[in-house]
N, C-alpha and C. Protein backbone atom coordinates (compact mmCIF):
# COMPACT_ATOMS: atom_id res chain seq x y z
N MET A 1 4.97 156.81 163.12
CA MET A 1 5.45 155.97 164.19
C MET A 1 6.86 155.43 163.81
N ILE A 2 7.81 155.65 164.71
CA ILE A 2 9.16 155.13 164.51
C ILE A 2 9.24 153.73 165.05
N GLN A 3 9.51 152.76 164.20
CA GLN A 3 9.60 151.36 164.62
C GLN A 3 11.06 151.02 164.96
N VAL A 4 11.27 150.42 166.12
CA VAL A 4 12.60 150.17 166.60
C VAL A 4 12.80 148.68 166.94
N LEU A 5 13.94 148.16 166.55
CA LEU A 5 14.36 146.82 166.92
C LEU A 5 15.51 146.90 167.91
N LEU A 6 15.41 146.19 169.05
CA LEU A 6 16.46 146.16 170.05
C LEU A 6 17.31 144.91 169.88
N ALA A 7 18.62 145.07 169.73
CA ALA A 7 19.55 143.93 169.64
C ALA A 7 20.58 144.03 170.71
N ASP A 8 20.47 143.19 171.71
CA ASP A 8 21.43 143.15 172.84
C ASP A 8 21.33 141.77 173.47
N ASP A 9 22.49 141.25 173.88
CA ASP A 9 22.45 139.92 174.45
C ASP A 9 22.01 139.87 175.92
N GLN A 10 21.82 141.04 176.50
CA GLN A 10 21.37 141.11 177.90
C GLN A 10 19.90 141.48 177.94
N GLU A 11 19.08 140.53 178.48
CA GLU A 11 17.62 140.78 178.53
C GLU A 11 17.29 141.99 179.35
N MET A 12 18.04 142.24 180.44
CA MET A 12 17.80 143.38 181.33
C MET A 12 17.97 144.70 180.55
N VAL A 13 19.01 144.75 179.70
CA VAL A 13 19.23 145.97 178.95
C VAL A 13 18.08 146.19 177.94
N ARG A 14 17.70 145.11 177.27
CA ARG A 14 16.58 145.24 176.32
C ARG A 14 15.32 145.69 177.01
N THR A 15 15.05 145.14 178.20
CA THR A 15 13.85 145.54 178.99
C THR A 15 13.91 147.02 179.31
N GLY A 16 15.06 147.49 179.77
CA GLY A 16 15.22 148.91 180.14
C GLY A 16 14.99 149.80 178.92
N PHE A 17 15.60 149.46 177.79
CA PHE A 17 15.42 150.25 176.59
C PHE A 17 13.96 150.27 176.12
N ARG A 18 13.31 149.07 176.23
CA ARG A 18 11.92 149.00 175.84
C ARG A 18 11.04 149.92 176.73
N LEU A 19 11.29 149.92 178.01
CA LEU A 19 10.51 150.79 178.93
C LEU A 19 10.69 152.24 178.59
N ILE A 20 11.94 152.65 178.31
CA ILE A 20 12.24 154.03 177.98
C ILE A 20 11.57 154.46 176.71
N LEU A 21 11.74 153.63 175.67
CA LEU A 21 11.23 154.00 174.33
C LEU A 21 9.73 153.88 174.23
N SER A 22 9.15 152.88 174.90
CA SER A 22 7.68 152.71 174.85
C SER A 22 6.93 153.84 175.50
N ALA A 23 7.63 154.57 176.40
CA ALA A 23 6.97 155.71 177.03
C ALA A 23 7.02 156.96 176.14
N GLU A 24 7.71 156.89 175.03
CA GLU A 24 7.85 158.02 174.12
C GLU A 24 6.72 158.01 173.07
N PRO A 25 6.06 159.17 172.87
CA PRO A 25 5.05 159.20 171.83
C PRO A 25 5.72 159.02 170.45
N GLY A 26 5.04 158.23 169.60
CA GLY A 26 5.58 158.09 168.24
C GLY A 26 6.69 157.08 168.09
N VAL A 27 6.96 156.32 169.14
CA VAL A 27 8.02 155.29 169.08
C VAL A 27 7.43 153.95 169.46
N ASP A 28 7.71 152.90 168.66
CA ASP A 28 7.15 151.57 168.88
C ASP A 28 8.28 150.56 168.78
N VAL A 29 8.54 149.80 169.84
CA VAL A 29 9.54 148.74 169.83
C VAL A 29 8.85 147.51 169.23
N VAL A 30 9.31 147.08 168.06
CA VAL A 30 8.63 146.02 167.33
C VAL A 30 9.28 144.65 167.50
N GLY A 31 10.48 144.64 168.09
CA GLY A 31 11.08 143.32 168.27
C GLY A 31 12.36 143.39 169.07
N GLU A 32 12.85 142.22 169.55
CA GLU A 32 14.06 142.10 170.30
C GLU A 32 14.90 140.96 169.80
N ALA A 33 16.25 141.17 169.76
CA ALA A 33 17.12 140.09 169.35
C ALA A 33 18.26 139.94 170.36
N GLY A 34 18.61 138.72 170.68
CA GLY A 34 19.65 138.46 171.65
C GLY A 34 21.02 138.09 171.04
N THR A 35 21.04 137.90 169.70
CA THR A 35 22.28 137.56 169.01
C THR A 35 22.37 138.41 167.75
N GLY A 36 23.57 138.47 167.20
CA GLY A 36 23.76 139.23 165.97
C GLY A 36 23.02 138.58 164.78
N VAL A 37 22.97 137.26 164.77
CA VAL A 37 22.26 136.54 163.71
C VAL A 37 20.77 136.86 163.78
N ASP A 38 20.21 136.80 164.99
CA ASP A 38 18.79 137.13 165.16
C ASP A 38 18.52 138.59 164.79
N ALA A 39 19.45 139.48 165.08
CA ALA A 39 19.29 140.88 164.75
C ALA A 39 19.14 141.07 163.23
N VAL A 40 19.99 140.39 162.47
CA VAL A 40 19.92 140.48 161.01
C VAL A 40 18.61 139.88 160.51
N THR A 41 18.28 138.73 161.04
CA THR A 41 17.03 138.04 160.57
C THR A 41 15.80 138.86 160.87
N LEU A 42 15.72 139.37 162.13
CA LEU A 42 14.51 140.15 162.51
C LEU A 42 14.45 141.48 161.78
N ALA A 43 15.63 142.12 161.57
CA ALA A 43 15.63 143.39 160.84
C ALA A 43 15.09 143.25 159.45
N ARG A 44 15.48 142.13 158.78
CA ARG A 44 14.98 141.88 157.42
C ARG A 44 13.52 141.48 157.40
N GLU A 45 13.09 140.84 158.47
CA GLU A 45 11.70 140.40 158.55
C GLU A 45 10.76 141.53 158.95
N LEU A 46 11.16 142.31 159.98
CA LEU A 46 10.25 143.31 160.55
C LEU A 46 10.38 144.69 159.86
N ARG A 47 11.49 144.91 159.16
CA ARG A 47 11.75 146.18 158.48
C ARG A 47 11.61 147.38 159.42
N PRO A 48 12.30 147.42 160.56
CA PRO A 48 12.19 148.55 161.47
C PRO A 48 12.87 149.79 160.87
N ASP A 49 12.49 150.96 161.38
CA ASP A 49 13.18 152.18 160.94
C ASP A 49 14.58 152.30 161.54
N VAL A 50 14.68 151.88 162.81
CA VAL A 50 15.92 152.04 163.53
C VAL A 50 16.24 150.74 164.29
N VAL A 51 17.53 150.35 164.26
CA VAL A 51 18.01 149.21 165.07
C VAL A 51 18.97 149.76 166.10
N LEU A 52 18.73 149.43 167.38
CA LEU A 52 19.71 149.74 168.44
C LEU A 52 20.56 148.49 168.59
N MET A 53 21.83 148.59 168.19
CA MET A 53 22.70 147.42 168.04
C MET A 53 23.80 147.41 169.09
N ASP A 54 23.82 146.35 169.92
CA ASP A 54 24.97 146.15 170.82
C ASP A 54 26.15 145.66 170.00
N ILE A 55 27.36 145.83 170.51
CA ILE A 55 28.55 145.35 169.80
C ILE A 55 28.87 143.91 170.14
N ARG A 56 29.00 143.63 171.43
CA ARG A 56 29.43 142.29 171.85
C ARG A 56 28.20 141.38 171.98
N MET A 57 27.97 140.57 170.97
CA MET A 57 26.86 139.62 170.98
C MET A 57 27.34 138.26 170.46
N PRO A 58 26.70 137.19 170.88
CA PRO A 58 27.11 135.86 170.40
C PRO A 58 26.74 135.61 168.93
N GLN A 59 27.40 134.69 168.32
CA GLN A 59 27.16 134.20 166.95
C GLN A 59 27.66 135.22 165.90
N LEU A 60 27.30 136.46 166.08
CA LEU A 60 27.71 137.51 165.10
C LEU A 60 27.78 138.81 165.90
N ASP A 61 28.93 139.46 165.90
CA ASP A 61 29.02 140.72 166.74
C ASP A 61 28.27 141.85 166.02
N GLY A 62 28.03 142.91 166.78
CA GLY A 62 27.22 144.02 166.29
C GLY A 62 27.82 144.74 165.10
N LEU A 63 29.14 144.82 165.03
CA LEU A 63 29.78 145.52 163.93
C LEU A 63 29.57 144.75 162.61
N GLU A 64 29.74 143.41 162.67
CA GLU A 64 29.54 142.64 161.49
C GLU A 64 28.05 142.60 161.10
N ALA A 65 27.14 142.54 162.10
CA ALA A 65 25.72 142.59 161.80
C ALA A 65 25.34 143.90 161.16
N THR A 66 26.00 144.97 161.62
CA THR A 66 25.77 146.31 160.97
C THR A 66 26.20 146.31 159.55
N ARG A 67 27.39 145.76 159.29
CA ARG A 67 27.93 145.73 157.90
C ARG A 67 26.97 144.93 157.01
N VAL A 68 26.48 143.80 157.55
CA VAL A 68 25.59 142.96 156.72
C VAL A 68 24.28 143.75 156.40
N LEU A 69 23.70 144.39 157.38
CA LEU A 69 22.44 145.06 157.17
C LEU A 69 22.57 146.32 156.31
N THR A 70 23.67 147.06 156.48
CA THR A 70 23.83 148.31 155.69
C THR A 70 24.12 147.98 154.24
N ALA A 71 24.44 146.74 153.93
CA ALA A 71 24.70 146.34 152.53
C ALA A 71 23.38 145.98 151.84
N ASP A 72 22.28 145.89 152.58
CA ASP A 72 20.98 145.59 152.02
C ASP A 72 20.48 146.76 151.18
N PRO A 73 19.60 146.49 150.22
CA PRO A 73 19.09 147.59 149.34
C PRO A 73 18.40 148.72 150.12
N GLU A 74 17.60 148.38 151.13
CA GLU A 74 16.94 149.42 151.94
C GLU A 74 17.23 149.15 153.41
N PRO A 75 18.43 149.49 153.86
CA PRO A 75 18.83 149.14 155.22
C PRO A 75 18.13 150.00 156.26
N PRO A 76 17.99 149.49 157.49
CA PRO A 76 17.47 150.33 158.59
C PRO A 76 18.59 151.27 159.02
N ARG A 77 18.21 152.31 159.79
CA ARG A 77 19.18 153.16 160.41
C ARG A 77 19.71 152.41 161.65
N ILE A 78 21.00 152.34 161.82
CA ILE A 78 21.55 151.57 162.93
C ILE A 78 22.33 152.52 163.90
N VAL A 79 21.93 152.42 165.15
CA VAL A 79 22.62 153.16 166.23
C VAL A 79 23.28 152.11 167.10
N VAL A 80 24.60 152.17 167.19
CA VAL A 80 25.36 151.24 168.03
C VAL A 80 25.35 151.72 169.46
N VAL A 81 24.91 150.85 170.37
CA VAL A 81 24.83 151.21 171.81
C VAL A 81 25.67 150.18 172.57
N THR A 82 26.68 150.65 173.26
CA THR A 82 27.60 149.73 173.91
C THR A 82 28.09 150.24 175.25
N THR A 83 28.57 149.35 176.05
CA THR A 83 29.20 149.69 177.32
C THR A 83 30.62 150.16 177.09
N PHE A 84 31.21 149.75 175.96
CA PHE A 84 32.62 149.98 175.69
C PHE A 84 32.84 151.17 174.75
N ASP A 85 33.66 152.12 175.16
CA ASP A 85 33.93 153.28 174.32
C ASP A 85 35.33 153.22 173.70
N LEU A 86 35.83 151.99 173.47
CA LEU A 86 37.14 151.86 172.83
C LEU A 86 37.11 152.47 171.44
N ASP A 87 38.19 153.17 171.12
CA ASP A 87 38.25 153.87 169.83
C ASP A 87 37.94 152.96 168.65
N GLU A 88 38.51 151.74 168.66
CA GLU A 88 38.30 150.87 167.50
C GLU A 88 36.84 150.53 167.30
N TYR A 89 36.05 150.48 168.39
CA TYR A 89 34.62 150.26 168.27
C TYR A 89 33.93 151.44 167.57
N VAL A 90 34.32 152.64 167.98
CA VAL A 90 33.70 153.84 167.42
C VAL A 90 33.96 153.85 165.90
N TYR A 91 35.22 153.78 165.54
CA TYR A 91 35.58 153.86 164.13
C TYR A 91 34.95 152.68 163.34
N GLY A 92 35.01 151.51 163.96
CA GLY A 92 34.47 150.33 163.30
C GLY A 92 32.99 150.46 163.06
N ALA A 93 32.25 151.01 164.05
CA ALA A 93 30.83 151.18 163.90
C ALA A 93 30.45 152.16 162.82
N LEU A 94 31.14 153.31 162.84
CA LEU A 94 30.80 154.33 161.85
C LEU A 94 31.21 153.91 160.46
N ARG A 95 32.36 153.25 160.33
CA ARG A 95 32.77 152.77 159.00
C ARG A 95 31.91 151.62 158.53
N ALA A 96 31.29 150.88 159.47
CA ALA A 96 30.39 149.80 159.07
C ALA A 96 29.06 150.33 158.55
N GLY A 97 28.83 151.60 158.78
CA GLY A 97 27.56 152.19 158.27
C GLY A 97 26.58 152.63 159.34
N ALA A 98 27.00 152.53 160.62
CA ALA A 98 26.09 153.00 161.68
C ALA A 98 25.90 154.50 161.57
N CYS A 99 24.77 155.00 161.95
CA CYS A 99 24.52 156.43 161.86
C CYS A 99 24.53 157.10 163.26
N GLY A 100 24.90 156.32 164.27
CA GLY A 100 25.03 156.87 165.60
C GLY A 100 25.77 155.92 166.51
N PHE A 101 26.33 156.43 167.59
CA PHE A 101 27.08 155.60 168.54
C PHE A 101 26.80 156.17 169.93
N LEU A 102 26.27 155.35 170.79
CA LEU A 102 25.98 155.78 172.16
C LEU A 102 26.54 154.80 173.17
N LEU A 103 26.97 155.35 174.31
CA LEU A 103 27.36 154.49 175.43
C LEU A 103 26.08 154.22 176.21
N LYS A 104 26.01 153.05 176.86
CA LYS A 104 24.82 152.66 177.56
C LYS A 104 24.55 153.54 178.77
N ASP A 105 25.56 154.23 179.27
CA ASP A 105 25.36 155.13 180.40
C ASP A 105 25.08 156.56 179.94
N ALA A 106 24.75 156.76 178.68
CA ALA A 106 24.48 158.09 178.16
C ALA A 106 23.19 158.67 178.72
N GLY A 107 22.27 157.80 179.16
CA GLY A 107 21.05 158.30 179.75
C GLY A 107 19.85 158.19 178.83
N PRO A 108 18.60 158.15 179.37
CA PRO A 108 17.41 157.99 178.58
C PRO A 108 17.22 159.08 177.54
N ARG A 109 17.53 160.33 177.88
CA ARG A 109 17.28 161.46 176.97
C ARG A 109 18.07 161.29 175.67
N LEU A 110 19.36 160.97 175.81
CA LEU A 110 20.19 160.78 174.63
C LEU A 110 19.77 159.57 173.82
N LEU A 111 19.32 158.54 174.49
CA LEU A 111 18.86 157.34 173.79
C LEU A 111 17.70 157.68 172.89
N VAL A 112 16.74 158.41 173.44
CA VAL A 112 15.56 158.80 172.66
C VAL A 112 15.96 159.73 171.54
N GLU A 113 16.84 160.70 171.82
CA GLU A 113 17.33 161.65 170.81
C GLU A 113 18.00 160.89 169.65
N ALA A 114 18.80 159.87 170.01
CA ALA A 114 19.50 159.11 169.00
C ALA A 114 18.56 158.38 168.07
N VAL A 115 17.49 157.83 168.64
CA VAL A 115 16.49 157.11 167.85
C VAL A 115 15.77 158.10 166.92
N ARG A 116 15.38 159.24 167.46
CA ARG A 116 14.67 160.21 166.63
C ARG A 116 15.58 160.79 165.57
N ALA A 117 16.82 161.03 165.89
CA ALA A 117 17.77 161.57 164.93
C ALA A 117 17.99 160.58 163.79
N ALA A 118 18.19 159.33 164.19
CA ALA A 118 18.41 158.28 163.15
C ALA A 118 17.23 158.17 162.23
N ALA A 119 16.01 158.15 162.78
CA ALA A 119 14.83 158.05 161.98
C ALA A 119 14.64 159.21 161.04
N ALA A 120 15.17 160.39 161.45
CA ALA A 120 15.06 161.57 160.61
C ALA A 120 16.17 161.69 159.60
N GLY A 121 17.09 160.71 159.63
CA GLY A 121 18.21 160.74 158.67
C GLY A 121 19.44 161.45 159.20
N ASP A 122 19.40 161.84 160.46
CA ASP A 122 20.57 162.52 161.05
C ASP A 122 21.37 161.48 161.83
N ALA A 123 22.37 161.97 162.54
CA ALA A 123 23.22 161.05 163.33
C ALA A 123 23.50 161.69 164.68
N LEU A 124 23.59 160.85 165.69
CA LEU A 124 23.95 161.34 167.02
C LEU A 124 24.98 160.44 167.62
N VAL A 125 26.05 161.00 168.11
CA VAL A 125 27.10 160.26 168.75
C VAL A 125 27.23 160.82 170.16
N SER A 126 27.44 159.96 171.13
CA SER A 126 27.59 160.41 172.51
C SER A 126 28.60 161.55 172.58
N PRO A 127 28.28 162.63 173.33
CA PRO A 127 29.19 163.79 173.38
C PRO A 127 30.59 163.45 173.75
N SER A 128 30.78 162.55 174.75
CA SER A 128 32.13 162.20 175.13
C SER A 128 32.88 161.49 174.03
N VAL A 129 32.14 160.66 173.26
CA VAL A 129 32.74 159.97 172.12
C VAL A 129 33.07 160.96 171.02
N THR A 130 32.13 161.88 170.76
CA THR A 130 32.37 162.88 169.70
C THR A 130 33.66 163.65 169.92
N VAL A 131 33.86 164.10 171.15
CA VAL A 131 35.06 164.90 171.46
C VAL A 131 36.30 164.10 171.18
N ARG A 132 36.32 162.85 171.64
CA ARG A 132 37.52 162.02 171.46
C ARG A 132 37.71 161.67 170.00
N LEU A 133 36.64 161.45 169.30
CA LEU A 133 36.71 161.09 167.86
C LEU A 133 37.29 162.24 167.09
N LEU A 134 36.79 163.45 167.34
CA LEU A 134 37.27 164.62 166.57
C LEU A 134 38.69 164.96 166.99
N GLU A 135 39.01 164.80 168.28
CA GLU A 135 40.42 165.05 168.71
C GLU A 135 41.35 164.10 167.98
N HIS A 136 40.91 162.85 167.86
CA HIS A 136 41.74 161.86 167.18
C HIS A 136 41.99 162.24 165.72
N LEU A 137 40.89 162.65 165.02
CA LEU A 137 41.00 163.05 163.66
C LEU A 137 41.85 164.31 163.48
N ALA A 138 41.67 165.24 164.40
CA ALA A 138 42.41 166.51 164.32
C ALA A 138 43.88 166.31 164.56
N ALA A 139 44.24 165.26 165.34
CA ALA A 139 45.68 165.02 165.65
C ALA A 139 46.40 164.32 164.53
N ARG A 140 45.67 163.78 163.58
CA ARG A 140 46.31 163.11 162.46
C ARG A 140 46.94 164.13 161.51
N PRO A 141 48.00 163.72 160.78
CA PRO A 141 48.50 164.59 159.72
C PRO A 141 47.36 164.87 158.73
N VAL A 142 47.19 166.14 158.37
CA VAL A 142 46.06 166.50 157.50
C VAL A 142 46.28 165.95 156.13
N ALA A 143 45.30 165.20 155.64
CA ALA A 143 45.39 164.62 154.30
C ALA A 143 45.07 165.71 153.26
N ARG A 144 45.76 165.67 152.14
CA ARG A 144 45.47 166.63 151.08
C ARG A 144 44.06 166.43 150.60
N THR A 145 43.33 167.53 150.44
CA THR A 145 41.94 167.40 149.96
C THR A 145 41.95 166.79 148.58
N PRO A 146 41.25 165.68 148.43
CA PRO A 146 41.28 164.97 147.14
C PRO A 146 40.57 165.74 146.04
N GLN A 147 40.99 165.49 144.83
CA GLN A 147 40.29 166.04 143.66
C GLN A 147 39.07 165.16 143.40
N LEU A 148 37.90 165.67 143.77
CA LEU A 148 36.69 164.92 143.60
C LEU A 148 36.23 164.98 142.15
N PRO A 149 35.64 163.91 141.64
CA PRO A 149 35.10 163.93 140.27
C PRO A 149 34.09 165.09 140.05
N ASP A 150 33.34 165.33 141.13
CA ASP A 150 32.36 166.46 141.09
C ASP A 150 32.68 167.31 142.32
N PRO A 151 33.54 168.34 142.17
CA PRO A 151 33.98 169.13 143.35
C PRO A 151 32.84 169.76 144.13
N LEU A 152 33.06 169.94 145.44
CA LEU A 152 32.12 170.67 146.28
C LEU A 152 32.16 172.16 145.95
N SER A 153 30.98 172.75 145.91
CA SER A 153 30.90 174.20 145.71
C SER A 153 31.30 174.90 146.99
N PRO A 154 31.63 176.21 146.95
CA PRO A 154 31.95 176.94 148.18
C PRO A 154 30.81 176.85 149.22
N ARG A 155 29.56 176.93 148.79
CA ARG A 155 28.46 176.83 149.75
C ARG A 155 28.36 175.42 150.33
N GLU A 156 28.61 174.40 149.52
CA GLU A 156 28.59 173.04 150.04
C GLU A 156 29.70 172.84 151.08
N LEU A 157 30.87 173.47 150.85
CA LEU A 157 31.94 173.40 151.82
C LEU A 157 31.54 174.08 153.11
N ASP A 158 30.82 175.17 153.03
CA ASP A 158 30.31 175.83 154.25
C ASP A 158 29.44 174.89 155.05
N VAL A 159 28.57 174.14 154.36
CA VAL A 159 27.70 173.19 155.00
C VAL A 159 28.52 172.03 155.62
N VAL A 160 29.51 171.55 154.87
CA VAL A 160 30.36 170.46 155.39
C VAL A 160 31.02 170.90 156.71
N ARG A 161 31.57 172.11 156.72
CA ARG A 161 32.26 172.59 157.93
C ARG A 161 31.31 172.74 159.10
N ALA A 162 30.08 173.17 158.82
CA ALA A 162 29.08 173.30 159.88
C ALA A 162 28.67 171.94 160.44
N VAL A 163 28.54 170.98 159.55
CA VAL A 163 28.22 169.60 160.01
C VAL A 163 29.34 169.09 160.88
N ALA A 164 30.57 169.37 160.49
CA ALA A 164 31.75 168.88 161.26
C ALA A 164 31.80 169.52 162.64
N ARG A 165 31.22 170.67 162.81
CA ARG A 165 31.19 171.33 164.11
C ARG A 165 29.97 170.89 164.93
N GLY A 166 29.18 169.98 164.40
CA GLY A 166 28.05 169.44 165.12
C GLY A 166 26.79 170.23 165.03
N ARG A 167 26.68 171.11 164.04
CA ARG A 167 25.48 171.92 163.88
C ARG A 167 24.32 171.09 163.34
N THR A 168 23.10 171.41 163.80
CA THR A 168 21.90 170.77 163.26
C THR A 168 21.54 171.46 161.94
N ASN A 169 20.61 170.84 161.22
CA ASN A 169 20.19 171.48 159.94
C ASN A 169 19.61 172.87 160.18
N ALA A 170 18.84 173.02 161.24
CA ALA A 170 18.22 174.29 161.53
C ALA A 170 19.29 175.35 161.88
N GLU A 171 20.33 174.93 162.60
CA GLU A 171 21.39 175.85 162.96
C GLU A 171 22.20 176.25 161.74
N ILE A 172 22.41 175.29 160.84
CA ILE A 172 23.16 175.59 159.59
C ILE A 172 22.33 176.61 158.76
N ALA A 173 21.04 176.39 158.66
CA ALA A 173 20.20 177.31 157.91
C ALA A 173 20.28 178.73 158.46
N ALA A 174 20.27 178.84 159.79
CA ALA A 174 20.34 180.18 160.42
C ALA A 174 21.69 180.83 160.21
N GLU A 175 22.77 180.03 160.30
CA GLU A 175 24.12 180.56 160.15
C GLU A 175 24.38 181.03 158.72
N LEU A 176 23.84 180.29 157.74
CA LEU A 176 24.14 180.61 156.32
C LEU A 176 23.05 181.43 155.67
N PHE A 177 21.99 181.76 156.46
CA PHE A 177 20.88 182.57 155.96
C PHE A 177 20.23 181.93 154.72
N VAL A 178 19.95 180.62 154.84
CA VAL A 178 19.26 179.91 153.78
C VAL A 178 18.13 179.16 154.43
N SER A 179 17.24 178.59 153.56
CA SER A 179 16.13 177.83 154.10
C SER A 179 16.54 176.43 154.51
N LEU A 180 15.70 175.78 155.33
CA LEU A 180 15.99 174.41 155.78
C LEU A 180 16.01 173.46 154.57
N SER A 181 15.10 173.67 153.64
CA SER A 181 15.08 172.81 152.44
C SER A 181 16.35 172.96 151.62
N THR A 182 16.95 174.15 151.58
CA THR A 182 18.17 174.37 150.88
C THR A 182 19.31 173.60 151.54
N VAL A 183 19.36 173.63 152.86
CA VAL A 183 20.38 172.85 153.62
C VAL A 183 20.27 171.38 153.30
N LYS A 184 19.03 170.85 153.28
CA LYS A 184 18.83 169.44 153.02
C LYS A 184 19.25 169.08 151.59
N THR A 185 18.99 170.00 150.64
CA THR A 185 19.44 169.78 149.25
C THR A 185 20.96 169.73 149.20
N HIS A 186 21.62 170.65 149.87
CA HIS A 186 23.10 170.69 149.91
C HIS A 186 23.61 169.37 150.48
N LEU A 187 23.01 168.90 151.60
CA LEU A 187 23.49 167.69 152.24
C LEU A 187 23.32 166.46 151.31
N THR A 188 22.23 166.40 150.59
CA THR A 188 22.03 165.34 149.64
C THR A 188 23.13 165.34 148.56
N ASN A 189 23.43 166.53 148.02
CA ASN A 189 24.46 166.65 147.02
C ASN A 189 25.85 166.31 147.60
N ILE A 190 26.10 166.75 148.84
CA ILE A 190 27.38 166.48 149.47
C ILE A 190 27.59 165.00 149.67
N GLN A 191 26.57 164.31 150.15
CA GLN A 191 26.68 162.86 150.38
C GLN A 191 26.98 162.15 149.09
N THR A 192 26.35 162.58 148.01
CA THR A 192 26.60 161.94 146.69
C THR A 192 28.05 162.19 146.25
N LYS A 193 28.53 163.43 146.38
CA LYS A 193 29.85 163.76 145.91
C LYS A 193 30.95 163.09 146.76
N LEU A 194 30.70 162.92 148.05
CA LEU A 194 31.72 162.36 148.95
C LEU A 194 31.51 160.85 149.14
N SER A 195 30.45 160.32 148.55
CA SER A 195 30.09 158.90 148.77
C SER A 195 29.94 158.63 150.28
N ALA A 196 29.35 159.59 150.99
CA ALA A 196 29.16 159.48 152.43
C ALA A 196 27.76 158.97 152.72
N ARG A 197 27.65 158.07 153.65
CA ARG A 197 26.34 157.46 153.95
C ARG A 197 25.54 158.32 154.91
N ASN A 198 26.18 159.17 155.73
CA ASN A 198 25.50 159.96 156.67
C ASN A 198 26.34 161.17 157.07
N ARG A 199 25.82 162.02 157.97
CA ARG A 199 26.55 163.25 158.29
C ARG A 199 27.75 162.99 159.17
N VAL A 200 27.81 161.83 159.83
CA VAL A 200 29.00 161.46 160.59
C VAL A 200 30.18 161.31 159.64
N GLU A 201 29.95 160.63 158.53
CA GLU A 201 31.01 160.47 157.54
C GLU A 201 31.39 161.76 156.85
N ILE A 202 30.40 162.67 156.71
CA ILE A 202 30.73 164.01 156.19
C ILE A 202 31.66 164.73 157.15
N ALA A 203 31.33 164.66 158.46
CA ALA A 203 32.15 165.32 159.46
C ALA A 203 33.56 164.72 159.48
N ALA A 204 33.64 163.42 159.41
CA ALA A 204 34.95 162.74 159.42
C ALA A 204 35.78 163.19 158.22
N TRP A 205 35.16 163.29 157.04
CA TRP A 205 35.87 163.76 155.84
C TRP A 205 36.40 165.16 156.06
N ALA A 206 35.60 166.04 156.66
CA ALA A 206 36.02 167.43 156.90
C ALA A 206 37.23 167.50 157.83
N TRP A 207 37.19 166.76 158.90
CA TRP A 207 38.30 166.78 159.86
C TRP A 207 39.53 166.14 159.28
N GLU A 208 39.38 165.06 158.55
CA GLU A 208 40.54 164.38 157.96
C GLU A 208 41.23 165.18 156.89
N HIS A 209 40.48 166.10 156.25
CA HIS A 209 41.06 166.90 155.15
C HIS A 209 41.23 168.37 155.51
N GLY A 210 41.28 168.65 156.83
CA GLY A 210 41.60 170.00 157.26
C GLY A 210 40.61 171.08 156.90
N GLN A 211 39.33 170.70 156.78
CA GLN A 211 38.31 171.66 156.41
C GLN A 211 37.70 172.41 157.61
N VAL A 212 38.06 171.97 158.82
CA VAL A 212 37.48 172.59 160.01
C VAL A 212 38.52 173.56 160.59
N ARG A 213 38.10 174.80 160.73
CA ARG A 213 39.00 175.81 161.24
C ARG A 213 38.54 176.35 162.61
């Protein structure tokens, strides 16, 4: 059972999300928070698997609440859900440690997918946001690939490039003719070597350093 905490200052939004998620098998909404402070308090008390975090909330905004929670020893997976698709929110959310970013008009299907992806250790970003995010990164001057203390192997670089193109683990396994468990092992090693918290940060590293062709 995936346990979810809803953090949004609008009761109507929380009610809508609860109705959508409660209708899904294997998903349980365990609590609701109307402020960023309450979101942090309830997340630490209830220990949900996933927190759906609004950005604009009183007392403590969602980005700061995300930073606070991701600094905990065993943080929940946080998906930022907002009405605003301003670039600084996207970058701020991902850099704060969120593992997904959705616009509130993305629809019920993407909301459920984002929760399931987060619980599984993956990340989902709204398609419209993903396109703009990657376009932004691709338009930057390409940074020289840094000399990592523990360099990525050629196969790990293949996995990094596939992640940057939005491939799922199953798709990566099929493309590289390896098992799903091998892909997961590579991803674990890659995250360690890049100090990346999730696959969104892996993708950002790839685009920023010219690894996507």
